[in-house]
Amino acid sequence: AAMNNNKVAMISVGWDPGMFSLNRLYANAILPHGCDYTFWGKGVSQG
């Protein structure tokens, strides 16, 4: 839709996905041999 209409559409912006995603990418690029872990909370899950 965006390509056909010359628009920019930014999706999945927030902290996860978003800021956490960026940090996973940076860390994987810097330390290619390793393991990823993501922990959420303590916090309210609205769903």
PDB file of all heavy atoms in Angstrom:
ATOM      1  N   ALA A   1       0.827  -1.210   0.000  1.00  0.00           N
ATOM      2  CA  ALA A   1       0.000   0.000   0.000  1.00  0.00           C
ATOM      3  C   ALA A   1       0.860   1.258   0.000  1.00  0.00           C
ATOM      4  O   ALA A   1       0.592   2.212  -0.738  1.00  0.00           O
ATOM      5  CB  ALA A   1      -0.926  -0.001   1.207  1.00  0.00           C
ATOM      6  N   ALA A   2       1.905   1.282   0.821  1.00  0.00           N
ATOM      7  CA  ALA A   2       2.752   2.466   0.924  1.00  0.00           C
ATOM      8  C   ALA A   2       3.576   2.689  -0.344  1.00  0.00           C
ATOM      9  O   ALA A   2       3.706   3.830  -0.813  1.00  0.00           O
ATOM     10  CB  ALA A   2       3.676   2.337   2.130  1.00  0.00           C
ATOM     11  N   MET A   3       4.124   1.631  -0.899  1.00  0.00           N
ATOM     12  CA  MET A   3       4.918   1.749  -2.127  1.00  0.00           C
ATOM     13  C   MET A   3       4.068   2.277  -3.277  1.00  0.00           C
ATOM     14  O   MET A   3       4.493   3.151  -4.042  1.00  0.00           O
ATOM     15  CB  MET A   3       5.523   0.396  -2.491  1.00  0.00           C
ATOM     16  CG  MET A   3       6.644  -0.057  -1.577  1.00  0.00           C
ATOM     17  SD  MET A   3       8.155   0.921  -1.725  1.00  0.00           S
ATOM     18  CE  MET A   3       8.726   0.381  -3.352  1.00  0.00           C
ATOM     19  N   ASN A   4       2.854   1.753  -3.401  1.00  0.00           N
ATOM     20  CA  ASN A   4       1.986   2.143  -4.510  1.00  0.00           C
ATOM     21  C   ASN A   4       1.527   3.597  -4.412  1.00  0.00           C
ATOM     22  O   ASN A   4       1.091   4.177  -5.411  1.00  0.00           O
ATOM     23  CB  ASN A   4       0.760   1.229  -4.564  1.00  0.00           C
ATOM     24  CG  ASN A   4       1.106  -0.178  -5.021  1.00  0.00           C
ATOM     25  OD1 ASN A   4       2.162  -0.410  -5.616  1.00  0.00           O
ATOM     26  ND2 ASN A   4       0.240  -1.131  -4.734  1.00  0.00           N
ATOM     27  N   ASN A   5       1.633   4.174  -3.211  1.00  0.00           N
ATOM     28  CA  ASN A   5       1.130   5.538  -3.007  1.00  0.00           C
ATOM     29  C   ASN A   5       2.207   6.507  -2.534  1.00  0.00           C
ATOM     30  O   ASN A   5       1.905   7.614  -2.080  1.00  0.00           O
ATOM     31  CB  ASN A   5      -0.030   5.509  -2.022  1.00  0.00           C
ATOM     32  CG  ASN A   5      -1.246   4.780  -2.572  1.00  0.00           C
ATOM     33  OD1 ASN A   5      -2.019   5.330  -3.337  1.00  0.00           O
ATOM     34  ND2 ASN A   5      -1.399   3.505  -2.194  1.00  0.00           N
ATOM     35  N   ASN A   6       3.480   6.089  -2.664  1.00  0.00           N
ATOM     36  CA  ASN A   6       4.622   6.954  -2.335  1.00  0.00           C
ATOM     37  C   ASN A   6       4.579   7.468  -0.891  1.00  0.00           C
ATOM     38  O   ASN A   6       4.892   8.631  -0.619  1.00  0.00           O
ATOM     39  CB  ASN A   6       4.710   8.130  -3.310  1.00  0.00           C
ATOM     40  CG  ASN A   6       4.954   7.678  -4.737  1.00  0.00           C
ATOM     41  OD1 ASN A   6       5.806   6.826  -4.989  1.00  0.00           O
ATOM     42  ND2 ASN A   6       4.197   8.221  -5.670  1.00  0.00           N
ATOM     43  N   LYS A   7       4.197   6.602   0.032  1.00  0.00           N
ATOM     44  CA  LYS A   7       4.145   6.960   1.437  1.00  0.00           C
ATOM     45  C   LYS A   7       5.156   6.123   2.235  1.00  0.00           C
ATOM     46  O   LYS A   7       5.579   5.054   1.802  1.00  0.00           O
ATOM     47  CB  LYS A   7       2.740   6.726   2.010  1.00  0.00           C
ATOM     48  CG  LYS A   7       1.648   7.522   1.307  1.00  0.00           C
ATOM     49  CD  LYS A   7       1.840   9.020   1.446  1.00  0.00           C
ATOM     50  CE  LYS A   7       0.713   9.797   0.779  1.00  0.00           C
ATOM     51  NZ  LYS A   7       0.960  11.268   0.839  1.00  0.00           N
ATOM     52  N   VAL A   8       5.518   6.646   3.409  1.00  0.00           N
ATOM     53  CA  VAL A   8       6.350   5.899   4.349  1.00  0.00           C
ATOM     54  C   VAL A   8       5.449   5.389   5.477  1.00  0.00           C
ATOM     55  O   VAL A   8       4.704   6.168   6.077  1.00  0.00           O
ATOM     56  CB  VAL A   8       7.477   6.765   4.944  1.00  0.00           C
ATOM     57  CG1 VAL A   8       8.243   5.993   6.020  1.00  0.00           C
ATOM     58  CG2 VAL A   8       8.429   7.226   3.848  1.00  0.00           C
ATOM     59  N   ALA A   9       5.503   4.091   5.738  1.00  0.00           N
ATOM     60  CA  ALA A   9       4.695   3.480   6.798  1.00  0.00           C
ATOM     61  C   ALA A   9       5.637   2.785   7.776  1.00  0.00           C
ATOM     62  O   ALA A   9       6.296   1.805   7.422  1.00  0.00           O
ATOM     63  CB  ALA A   9       3.704   2.481   6.209  1.00  0.00           C
ATOM     64  N   MET A  10       5.703   3.291   8.987  1.00  0.00           N
ATOM     65  CA  MET A  10       6.571   2.737  10.020  1.00  0.00           C
ATOM     66  C   MET A  10       5.733   1.832  10.916  1.00  0.00           C
ATOM     67  O   MET A  10       4.784   2.298  11.559  1.00  0.00           O
ATOM     68  CB  MET A  10       7.172   3.875  10.840  1.00  0.00           C
ATOM     69  CG  MET A  10       8.317   3.465  11.736  1.00  0.00           C
ATOM     70  SD  MET A  10       9.881   3.238  10.860  1.00  0.00           S
ATOM     71  CE  MET A  10      10.124   4.891  10.209  1.00  0.00           C
ATOM     72  N   ILE A  11       6.071   0.539  10.972  1.00  0.00           N
ATOM     73  CA  ILE A  11       5.259  -0.395  11.757  1.00  0.00           C
ATOM     74  C   ILE A  11       6.023  -0.933  12.968  1.00  0.00           C
ATOM     75  O   ILE A  11       7.248  -0.869  13.028  1.00  0.00           O
ATOM     76  CB  ILE A  11       4.762  -1.577  10.899  1.00  0.00           C
ATOM     77  CG1 ILE A  11       5.930  -2.472  10.477  1.00  0.00           C
ATOM     78  CG2 ILE A  11       3.961  -1.094   9.694  1.00  0.00           C
ATOM     79  CD1 ILE A  11       5.528  -3.863   9.993  1.00  0.00           C
ATOM     80  N   SER A  12       5.252  -1.453  13.927  1.00  0.00           N
ATOM     81  CA  SER A  12       5.791  -2.179  15.079  1.00  0.00           C
ATOM     82  C   SER A  12       6.755  -1.326  15.901  1.00  0.00           C
ATOM     83  O   SER A  12       7.847  -1.772  16.265  1.00  0.00           O
ATOM     84  CB  SER A  12       6.455  -3.487  14.628  1.00  0.00           C
ATOM     85  OG  SER A  12       5.521  -4.318  13.973  1.00  0.00           O
ATOM     86  N   VAL A  13       6.328  -0.105  16.194  1.00  0.00           N
ATOM     87  CA  VAL A  13       7.143   0.832  16.963  1.00  0.00           C
ATOM     88  C   VAL A  13       6.673   0.836  18.415  1.00  0.00           C
ATOM     89  O   VAL A  13       5.478   0.915  18.694  1.00  0.00           O
ATOM     90  CB  VAL A  13       7.031   2.255  16.380  1.00  0.00           C
ATOM     91  CG1 VAL A  13       7.798   3.251  17.235  1.00  0.00           C
ATOM     92  CG2 VAL A  13       7.542   2.279  14.940  1.00  0.00           C
ATOM     93  N   GLY A  14       7.598   0.738  19.332  1.00  0.00           N
ATOM     94  CA  GLY A  14       7.306   0.740  20.757  1.00  0.00           C
ATOM     95  C   GLY A  14       8.541   0.287  21.490  1.00  0.00           C
ATOM     96  O   GLY A  14       9.655   0.587  21.070  1.00  0.00           O
ATOM     97  N   TRP A  15       8.356  -0.489  22.562  1.00  0.00           N
ATOM     98  CA  TRP A  15       9.555  -0.986  23.251  1.00  0.00           C
ATOM     99  C   TRP A  15       9.772  -2.478  23.036  1.00  0.00           C
ATOM    100  O   TRP A  15      10.910  -2.939  23.076  1.00  0.00           O
ATOM    101  CB  TRP A  15       9.564  -0.593  24.724  1.00  0.00           C
ATOM    102  CG  TRP A  15       8.419  -1.007  25.574  1.00  0.00           C
ATOM    103  CD1 TRP A  15       7.239  -0.360  25.734  1.00  0.00           C
ATOM    104  CD2 TRP A  15       8.363  -2.154  26.426  1.00  0.00           C
ATOM    105  NE1 TRP A  15       6.443  -1.039  26.620  1.00  0.00           N
ATOM    106  CE2 TRP A  15       7.112  -2.142  27.080  1.00  0.00           C
ATOM    107  CE3 TRP A  15       9.259  -3.187  26.730  1.00  0.00           C
ATOM    108  CZ2 TRP A  15       6.715  -3.116  27.983  1.00  0.00           C
ATOM    109  CZ3 TRP A  15       8.875  -4.166  27.638  1.00  0.00           C
ATOM    110  CH2 TRP A  15       7.619  -4.124  28.254  1.00  0.00           C
ATOM    111  N   ASP A  16       8.744  -3.254  22.752  1.00  0.00           N
ATOM    112  CA  ASP A  16       8.949  -4.625  22.271  1.00  0.00           C
ATOM    113  C   ASP A  16       7.691  -5.081  21.537  1.00  0.00           C
ATOM    114  O   ASP A  16       6.697  -5.424  22.194  1.00  0.00           O
ATOM    115  CB  ASP A  16       9.276  -5.585  23.413  1.00  0.00           C
ATOM    116  CG  ASP A  16       9.896  -6.889  22.899  1.00  0.00           C
ATOM    117  OD1 ASP A  16      10.134  -6.964  21.679  1.00  0.00           O
ATOM    118  OD2 ASP A  16      10.168  -7.787  23.702  1.00  0.00           O
ATOM    119  N   PRO A  17       7.719  -5.069  20.217  1.00  0.00           N
ATOM    120  CA  PRO A  17       8.837  -4.732  19.329  1.00  0.00           C
ATOM    121  C   PRO A  17       9.165  -3.235  19.348  1.00  0.00           C
ATOM    122  O   PRO A  17       8.304  -2.412  19.629  1.00  0.00           O
ATOM    123  CB  PRO A  17       8.334  -5.168  17.954  1.00  0.00           C
ATOM    124  CG  PRO A  17       6.847  -5.055  18.050  1.00  0.00           C
ATOM    125  CD  PRO A  17       6.500  -5.437  19.458  1.00  0.00           C
ATOM    126  N   GLY A  18      10.409  -2.936  19.031  1.00  0.00           N
ATOM    127  CA  GLY A  18      10.869  -1.556  18.997  1.00  0.00           C
ATOM    128  C   GLY A  18      12.239  -1.446  19.627  1.00  0.00           C
ATOM    129  O   GLY A  18      13.230  -1.951  19.095  1.00  0.00           O
ATOM    130  N   MET A  19      12.317  -0.825  20.812  1.00  0.00           N
ATOM    131  CA  MET A  19      13.610  -0.615  21.457  1.00  0.00           C
ATOM    132  C   MET A  19      14.291  -1.936  21.820  1.00  0.00           C
ATOM    133  O   MET A  19      15.506  -2.074  21.675  1.00  0.00           O
ATOM    134  CB  MET A  19      13.429   0.249  22.714  1.00  0.00           C
ATOM    135  CG  MET A  19      12.747   1.585  22.462  1.00  0.00           C
ATOM    136  SD  MET A  19      13.535   2.550  21.135  1.00  0.00           S
ATOM    137  CE  MET A  19      15.139   2.878  21.860  1.00  0.00           C
ATOM    138  N   PHE A  20      13.521  -2.914  22.298  1.00  0.00           N
ATOM    139  CA  PHE A  20      14.112  -4.223  22.590  1.00  0.00           C
ATOM    140  C   PHE A  20      14.630  -4.875  21.311  1.00  0.00           C
ATOM    141  O   PHE A  20      15.668  -5.534  21.316  1.00  0.00           O
ATOM    142  CB  PHE A  20      13.081  -5.138  23.259  1.00  0.00           C
ATOM    143  CG  PHE A  20      12.978  -4.948  24.760  1.00  0.00           C
ATOM    144  CD1 PHE A  20      13.513  -3.842  25.388  1.00  0.00           C
ATOM    145  CD2 PHE A  20      12.322  -5.896  25.535  1.00  0.00           C
ATOM    146  CE1 PHE A  20      13.417  -3.680  26.772  1.00  0.00           C
ATOM    147  CE2 PHE A  20      12.224  -5.745  26.911  1.00  0.00           C
ATOM    148  CZ  PHE A  20      12.764  -4.640  27.532  1.00  0.00           C
ATOM    149  N   SER A  21      13.909  -4.708  20.218  1.00  0.00           N
ATOM    150  CA  SER A  21      14.332  -5.286  18.939  1.00  0.00           C
ATOM    151  C   SER A  21      15.686  -4.730  18.514  1.00  0.00           C
ATOM    152  O   SER A  21      16.572  -5.472  18.067  1.00  0.00           O
ATOM    153  CB  SER A  21      13.291  -4.987  17.853  1.00  0.00           C
ATOM    154  OG  SER A  21      11.984  -5.272  18.292  1.00  0.00           O
ATOM    155  N   LEU A  22      15.842  -3.405  18.627  1.00  0.00           N
ATOM    156  CA  LEU A  22      17.108  -2.770  18.271  1.00  0.00           C
ATOM    157  C   LEU A  22      18.249  -3.311  19.118  1.00  0.00           C
ATOM    158  O   LEU A  22      19.342  -3.586  18.598  1.00  0.00           O
ATOM    159  CB  LEU A  22      17.015  -1.256  18.476  1.00  0.00           C
ATOM    160  CG  LEU A  22      16.302  -0.448  17.405  1.00  0.00           C
ATOM    161  CD1 LEU A  22      16.221   1.020  17.828  1.00  0.00           C
ATOM    162  CD2 LEU A  22      17.032  -0.553  16.068  1.00  0.00           C
ATOM    163  N   ASN A  23      18.002  -3.470  20.402  1.00  0.00           N
ATOM    164  CA  ASN A  23      19.067  -3.948  21.271  1.00  0.00           C
ATOM    165  C   ASN A  23      19.419  -5.403  20.998  1.00  0.00           C
ATOM    166  O   ASN A  23      20.583  -5.793  21.113  1.00  0.00           O
ATOM    167  CB  ASN A  23      18.681  -3.715  22.730  1.00  0.00           C
ATOM    168  CG  ASN A  23      18.890  -2.272  23.129  1.00  0.00           C
ATOM    169  OD1 ASN A  23      19.998  -1.889  23.500  1.00  0.00           O
ATOM    170  ND2 ASN A  23      17.857  -1.455  23.020  1.00  0.00           N
ATOM    171  N   ARG A  24      18.441  -6.207  20.606  1.00  0.00           N
ATOM    172  CA  ARG A  24      18.750  -7.576  20.196  1.00  0.00           C
ATOM    173  C   ARG A  24      19.624  -7.564  18.945  1.00  0.00           C
ATOM    174  O   ARG A  24      20.589  -8.333  18.838  1.00  0.00           O
ATOM    175  CB  ARG A  24      17.460  -8.362  19.951  1.00  0.00           C
ATOM    176  CG  ARG A  24      16.741  -8.790  21.231  1.00  0.00           C
ATOM    177  CD  ARG A  24      15.587  -9.740  20.957  1.00  0.00           C
ATOM    178  NE  ARG A  24      14.414  -9.074  20.415  1.00  0.00           N
ATOM    179  CZ  ARG A  24      13.364  -8.691  21.135  1.00  0.00           C
ATOM    180  NH1 ARG A  24      13.343  -8.882  22.436  1.00  0.00           N
ATOM    181  NH2 ARG A  24      12.335  -8.111  20.562  1.00  0.00           N
ATOM    182  N   LEU A  25      19.295  -6.684  17.997  1.00  0.00           N
ATOM    183  CA  LEU A  25      20.081  -6.605  16.759  1.00  0.00           C
ATOM    184  C   LEU A  25      21.509  -6.152  17.034  1.00  0.00           C
ATOM    185  O   LEU A  25      22.482  -6.763  16.565  1.00  0.00           O
ATOM    186  CB  LEU A  25      19.392  -5.653  15.773  1.00  0.00           C
ATOM    187  CG  LEU A  25      19.986  -5.567  14.360  1.00  0.00           C
ATOM    188  CD1 LEU A  25      18.909  -5.151  13.361  1.00  0.00           C
ATOM    189  CD2 LEU A  25      21.145  -4.587  14.270  1.00  0.00           C
ATOM    190  N   TYR A  26      21.655  -5.051  17.795  1.00  0.00           N
ATOM    191  CA  TYR A  26      22.998  -4.544  18.105  1.00  0.00           C
ATOM    192  C   TYR A  26      23.832  -5.610  18.803  1.00  0.00           C
ATOM    193  O   TYR A  26      24.995  -5.839  18.454  1.00  0.00           O
ATOM    194  CB  TYR A  26      22.897  -3.315  19.025  1.00  0.00           C
ATOM    195  CG  TYR A  26      22.436  -2.043  18.354  1.00  0.00           C
ATOM    196  CD1 TYR A  26      21.526  -1.205  18.989  1.00  0.00           C
ATOM    197  CD2 TYR A  26      22.918  -1.671  17.105  1.00  0.00           C
ATOM    198  CE1 TYR A  26      21.097  -0.023  18.385  1.00  0.00           C
ATOM    199  CE2 TYR A  26      22.494  -0.500  16.491  1.00  0.00           C
ATOM    200  CZ  TYR A  26      21.584   0.328  17.145  1.00  0.00           C
ATOM    201  OH  TYR A  26      21.166   1.485  16.548  1.00  0.00           O
ATOM    202  N   ALA A  27      23.237  -6.275  19.779  1.00  0.00           N
ATOM    203  CA  ALA A  27      23.988  -7.248  20.565  1.00  0.00           C
ATOM    204  C   ALA A  27      24.386  -8.462  19.733  1.00  0.00           C
ATOM    205  O   ALA A  27      25.495  -8.991  19.876  1.00  0.00           O
ATOM    206  CB  ALA A  27      23.170  -7.676  21.785  1.00  0.00           C
ATOM    207  N   ASN A  28      23.497  -8.916  18.844  1.00  0.00           N
ATOM    208  CA  ASN A  28      23.823 -10.051  17.974  1.00  0.00           C
ATOM    209  C   ASN A  28      24.927  -9.705  16.994  1.00  0.00           C
ATOM    210  O   ASN A  28      25.772 -10.541  16.678  1.00  0.00           O
ATOM    211  CB  ASN A  28      22.571 -10.514  17.219  1.00  0.00           C
ATOM    212  CG  ASN A  28      21.742 -11.513  17.985  1.00  0.00           C
ATOM    213  OD1 ASN A  28      21.827 -12.710  17.750  1.00  0.00           O
ATOM    214  ND2 ASN A  28      20.942 -11.026  18.922  1.00  0.00           N
ATOM    215  N   ALA A  29      24.920  -8.459  16.496  1.00  0.00           N
ATOM    216  CA  ALA A  29      25.961  -8.049  15.555  1.00  0.00           C
ATOM    217  C   ALA A  29      27.319  -7.940  16.245  1.00  0.00           C
ATOM    218  O   ALA A  29      28.354  -8.271  15.652  1.00  0.00           O
ATOM    219  CB  ALA A  29      25.585  -6.703  14.935  1.00  0.00           C
ATOM    220  N   ILE A  30      27.314  -7.499  17.496  1.00  0.00           N
ATOM    221  CA  ILE A  30      28.563  -7.294  18.231  1.00  0.00           C
ATOM    222  C   ILE A  30      29.114  -8.607  18.788  1.00  0.00           C
ATOM    223  O   ILE A  30      30.320  -8.847  18.759  1.00  0.00           O
ATOM    224  CB  ILE A  30      28.330  -6.287  19.372  1.00  0.00           C
ATOM    225  CG1 ILE A  30      28.026  -4.898  18.783  1.00  0.00           C
ATOM    226  CG2 ILE A  30      29.538  -6.203  20.306  1.00  0.00           C
ATOM    227  CD1 ILE A  30      27.411  -3.933  19.764  1.00  0.00           C
ATOM    228  N   LEU A  31      28.224  -9.465  19.286  1.00  0.00           N
ATOM    229  CA  LEU A  31      28.629 -10.759  19.836  1.00  0.00           C
ATOM    230  C   LEU A  31      27.950 -11.874  19.043  1.00  0.00           C
ATOM    231  O   LEU A  31      26.919 -12.415  19.456  1.00  0.00           O
ATOM    232  CB  LEU A  31      28.237 -10.850  21.318  1.00  0.00           C
ATOM    233  CG  LEU A  31      28.908  -9.858  22.278  1.00  0.00           C
ATOM    234  CD1 LEU A  31      28.320 -10.004  23.679  1.00  0.00           C
ATOM    235  CD2 LEU A  31      30.424 -10.073  22.305  1.00  0.00           C
ATOM    236  N   PRO A  32      28.504 -12.239  17.876  1.00  0.00           N
ATOM    237  CA  PRO A  32      27.833 -13.237  17.034  1.00  0.00           C
ATOM    238  C   PRO A  32      27.764 -14.625  17.666  1.00  0.00           C
ATOM    239  O   PRO A  32      26.893 -15.411  17.310  1.00  0.00           O
ATOM    240  CB  PRO A  32      28.678 -13.248  15.759  1.00  0.00           C
ATOM    241  CG  PRO A  32      29.981 -12.651  16.146  1.00  0.00           C
ATOM    242  CD  PRO A  32      29.704 -11.685  17.235  1.00  0.00           C
ATOM    243  N   HIS A  33      28.653 -14.939  18.601  1.00  0.00           N
ATOM    244  CA  HIS A  33      28.605 -16.227  19.289  1.00  0.00           C
ATOM    245  C   HIS A  33      28.038 -15.985  20.689  1.00  0.00           C
ATOM    246  O   HIS A  33      28.736 -15.468  21.572  1.00  0.00           O
ATOM    247  CB  HIS A  33      30.000 -16.862  19.381  1.00  0.00           C
ATOM    248  CG  HIS A  33      30.468 -17.437  18.088  1.00  0.00           C
ATOM    249  ND1 HIS A  33      31.500 -18.337  17.996  1.00  0.00           N
ATOM    250  CD2 HIS A  33      30.036 -17.251  16.822  1.00  0.00           C
ATOM    251  CE1 HIS A  33      31.690 -18.677  16.730  1.00  0.00           C
ATOM    252  NE2 HIS A  33      30.819 -18.009  15.997  1.00  0.00           N
ATOM    253  N   GLY A  34      26.785 -16.340  20.879  1.00  0.00           N
ATOM    254  CA  GLY A  34      26.171 -16.090  22.170  1.00  0.00           C
ATOM    255  C   GLY A  34      24.720 -16.501  22.216  1.00  0.00           C
ATOM    256  O   GLY A  34      24.217 -17.165  21.312  1.00  0.00           O
ATOM    257  N   CYS A  35      24.040 -16.070  23.268  1.00  0.00           N
ATOM    258  CA  CYS A  35      22.636 -16.420  23.477  1.00  0.00           C
ATOM    259  C   CYS A  35      21.838 -15.173  23.831  1.00  0.00           C
ATOM    260  O   CYS A  35      22.330 -14.287  24.541  1.00  0.00           O
ATOM    261  CB  CYS A  35      22.501 -17.436  24.612  1.00  0.00           C
ATOM    262  SG  CYS A  35      23.329 -19.015  24.315  1.00  0.00           S
ATOM    263  N   ASP A  36      20.585 -15.127  23.347  1.00  0.00           N
ATOM    264  CA  ASP A  36      19.676 -14.023  23.640  1.00  0.00           C
ATOM    265  C   ASP A  36      18.675 -14.423  24.713  1.00  0.00           C
ATOM    266  O   ASP A  36      18.180 -15.550  24.730  1.00  0.00           O
ATOM    267  CB  ASP A  36      18.869 -13.644  22.388  1.00  0.00           C
ATOM    268  CG  ASP A  36      19.707 -12.910  21.365  1.00  0.00           C
ATOM    269  OD1 ASP A  36      20.475 -12.024  21.757  1.00  0.00           O
ATOM    270  OD2 ASP A  36      19.573 -13.226  20.173  1.00  0.00           O
ATOM    271  N   TYR A  37      18.345 -13.452  25.570  1.00  0.00           N
ATOM    272  CA  TYR A  37      17.303 -13.648  26.571  1.00  0.00           C
ATOM    273  C   TYR A  37      16.484 -12.364  26.682  1.00  0.00           C
ATOM    274  O   TYR A  37      17.043 -11.263  26.726  1.00  0.00           O
ATOM    275  CB  TYR A  37      17.900 -13.965  27.949  1.00  0.00           C
ATOM    276  CG  TYR A  37      18.719 -15.239  27.972  1.00  0.00           C
ATOM    277  CD1 TYR A  37      20.087 -15.217  27.705  1.00  0.00           C
ATOM    278  CD2 TYR A  37      18.117 -16.467  28.247  1.00  0.00           C
ATOM    279  CE1 TYR A  37      20.839 -16.378  27.725  1.00  0.00           C
ATOM    280  CE2 TYR A  37      18.863 -17.639  28.272  1.00  0.00           C
ATOM    281  CZ  TYR A  37      20.216 -17.589  28.004  1.00  0.00           C
ATOM    282  OH  TYR A  37      20.956 -18.753  28.018  1.00  0.00           O
ATOM    283  N   THR A  38      15.171 -12.512  26.722  1.00  0.00           N
ATOM    284  CA  THR A  38      14.286 -11.377  26.958  1.00  0.00           C
ATOM    285  C   THR A  38      13.372 -11.720  28.131  1.00  0.00           C
ATOM    286  O   THR A  38      12.718 -12.759  28.138  1.00  0.00           O
ATOM    287  CB  THR A  38      13.436 -11.053  25.717  1.00  0.00           C
ATOM    288  OG1 THR A  38      14.303 -10.758  24.612  1.00  0.00           O
ATOM    289  CG2 THR A  38      12.545  -9.842  25.975  1.00  0.00           C
ATOM    290  N   PHE A  39      13.368 -10.830  29.105  1.00  0.00           N
ATOM    291  CA  PHE A  39      12.472 -10.954  30.251  1.00  0.00           C
ATOM    292  C   PHE A  39      11.544  -9.742  30.270  1.00  0.00           C
ATOM    293  O   PHE A  39      11.997  -8.613  30.075  1.00  0.00           O
ATOM    294  CB  PHE A  39      13.261 -10.994  31.568  1.00  0.00           C
ATOM    295  CG  PHE A  39      14.103 -12.224  31.747  1.00  0.00           C
ATOM    296  CD1 PHE A  39      15.400 -12.270  31.265  1.00  0.00           C
ATOM    297  CD2 PHE A  39      13.607 -13.336  32.411  1.00  0.00           C
ATOM    298  CE1 PHE A  39      16.197 -13.393  31.436  1.00  0.00           C
ATOM    299  CE2 PHE A  39      14.386 -14.472  32.591  1.00  0.00           C
ATOM    300  CZ  PHE A  39      15.687 -14.505  32.094  1.00  0.00           C
ATOM    301  N   TRP A  40      10.259  -9.969  30.543  1.00  0.00           N
ATOM    302  CA  TRP A  40       9.293  -8.877  30.624  1.00  0.00           C
ATOM    303  C   TRP A  40       8.816  -8.723  32.065  1.00  0.00           C
ATOM    304  O   TRP A  40       8.559  -9.705  32.764  1.00  0.00           O
ATOM    305  CB  TRP A  40       8.093  -9.149  29.726  1.00  0.00           C
ATOM    306  CG  TRP A  40       8.453  -9.202  28.275  1.00  0.00           C
ATOM    307  CD1 TRP A  40       8.670  -8.144  27.433  1.00  0.00           C
ATOM    308  CD2 TRP A  40       8.643 -10.372  27.484  1.00  0.00           C
ATOM    309  NE1 TRP A  40       8.992  -8.587  26.165  1.00  0.00           N
ATOM    310  CE2 TRP A  40       8.982  -9.958  26.177  1.00  0.00           C
ATOM    311  CE3 TRP A  40       8.564 -11.732  27.763  1.00  0.00           C
ATOM    312  CZ2 TRP A  40       9.234 -10.856  25.144  1.00  0.00           C
ATOM    313  CZ3 TRP A  40       8.826 -12.640  26.743  1.00  0.00           C
ATOM    314  CH2 TRP A  40       9.150 -12.190  25.451  1.00  0.00           C
ATOM    315  N   GLY A  41       8.665  -7.475  32.502  1.00  0.00           N
ATOM    316  CA  GLY A  41       8.097  -7.197  33.810  1.00  0.00           C
ATOM    317  C   GLY A  41       9.139  -6.743  34.820  1.00  0.00           C
ATOM    318  O   GLY A  41      10.293  -6.544  34.470  1.00  0.00           O
ATOM    319  N   LYS A  42       8.717  -6.535  36.042  1.00  0.00           N
ATOM    320  CA  LYS A  42       7.351  -6.739  36.486  1.00  0.00           C
ATOM    321  C   LYS A  42       6.438  -5.672  35.898  1.00  0.00           C
ATOM    322  O   LYS A  42       6.758  -4.476  35.941  1.00  0.00           O
ATOM    323  CB  LYS A  42       7.279  -6.703  38.014  1.00  0.00           C
ATOM    324  CG  LYS A  42       5.904  -6.965  38.568  1.00  0.00           C
ATOM    325  CD  LYS A  42       5.903  -6.930  40.094  1.00  0.00           C
ATOM    326  CE  LYS A  42       4.508  -7.197  40.629  1.00  0.00           C
ATOM    327  NZ  LYS A  42       4.449  -7.193  42.101  1.00  0.00           N
ATOM    328  N   GLY A  43       5.317  -6.110  35.326  1.00  0.00           N
ATOM    329  CA  GLY A  43       4.422  -5.141  34.751  1.00  0.00           C
ATOM    330  C   GLY A  43       3.075  -5.724  34.385  1.00  0.00           C
ATOM    331  O   GLY A  43       2.889  -6.945  34.358  1.00  0.00           O
ATOM    332  N   VAL A  44       2.146  -4.823  34.101  1.00  0.00           N
ATOM    333  CA  VAL A  44       0.782  -5.207  33.762  1.00  0.00           C
ATOM    334  C   VAL A  44       0.714  -5.647  32.311  1.00  0.00           C
ATOM    335  O   VAL A  44       1.134  -4.924  31.404  1.00  0.00           O
ATOM    336  CB  VAL A  44      -0.187  -4.028  33.987  1.00  0.00           C
ATOM    337  CG1 VAL A  44      -1.579  -4.379  33.485  1.00  0.00           C
ATOM    338  CG2 VAL A  44      -0.229  -3.652  35.454  1.00  0.00           C
ATOM    339  N   SER A  45       0.200  -6.846  32.094  1.00  0.00           N
ATOM    340  CA  SER A  45      -0.099  -7.315  30.743  1.00  0.00           C
ATOM    341  C   SER A  45      -1.562  -7.011  30.459  1.00  0.00           C
ATOM    342  O   SER A  45      -2.459  -7.597  31.072  1.00  0.00           O
ATOM    343  CB  SER A  45       0.160  -8.816  30.617  1.00  0.00           C
ATOM    344  OG  SER A  45      -0.331  -9.290  29.377  1.00  0.00           O
ATOM    345  N   GLN A  46      -1.807  -6.075  29.536  1.00  0.00           N
ATOM    346  CA  GLN A  46      -3.180  -5.660  29.281  1.00  0.00           C
ATOM    347  C   GLN A  46      -3.985  -6.777  28.617  1.00  0.00           C
ATOM    348  O   GLN A  46      -5.173  -6.948  28.880  1.00  0.00           O
ATOM    349  CB  GLN A  46      -3.186  -4.387  28.436  1.00  0.00           C
ATOM    350  CG  GLN A  46      -2.560  -3.207  29.188  1.00  0.00           C
ATOM    351  CD  GLN A  46      -2.594  -1.913  28.419  1.00  0.00           C
ATOM    352  OE1 GLN A  46      -3.601  -1.231  28.363  1.00  0.00           O
ATOM    353  NE2 GLN A  46      -1.455  -1.578  27.815  1.00  0.00           N
ATOM    354  N   GLY A  47      -3.348  -7.563  27.742  1.00  0.00           N
ATOM    355  CA  GLY A  47      -4.048  -8.663  27.094  1.00  0.00           C
ATOM    356  C   GLY A  47      -4.436  -9.757  28.071  1.00  0.00           C
ATOM    357  O   GLY A  47      -5.548 -10.301  28.029  1.00  0.00           O
TER     358      GLY A  47
END
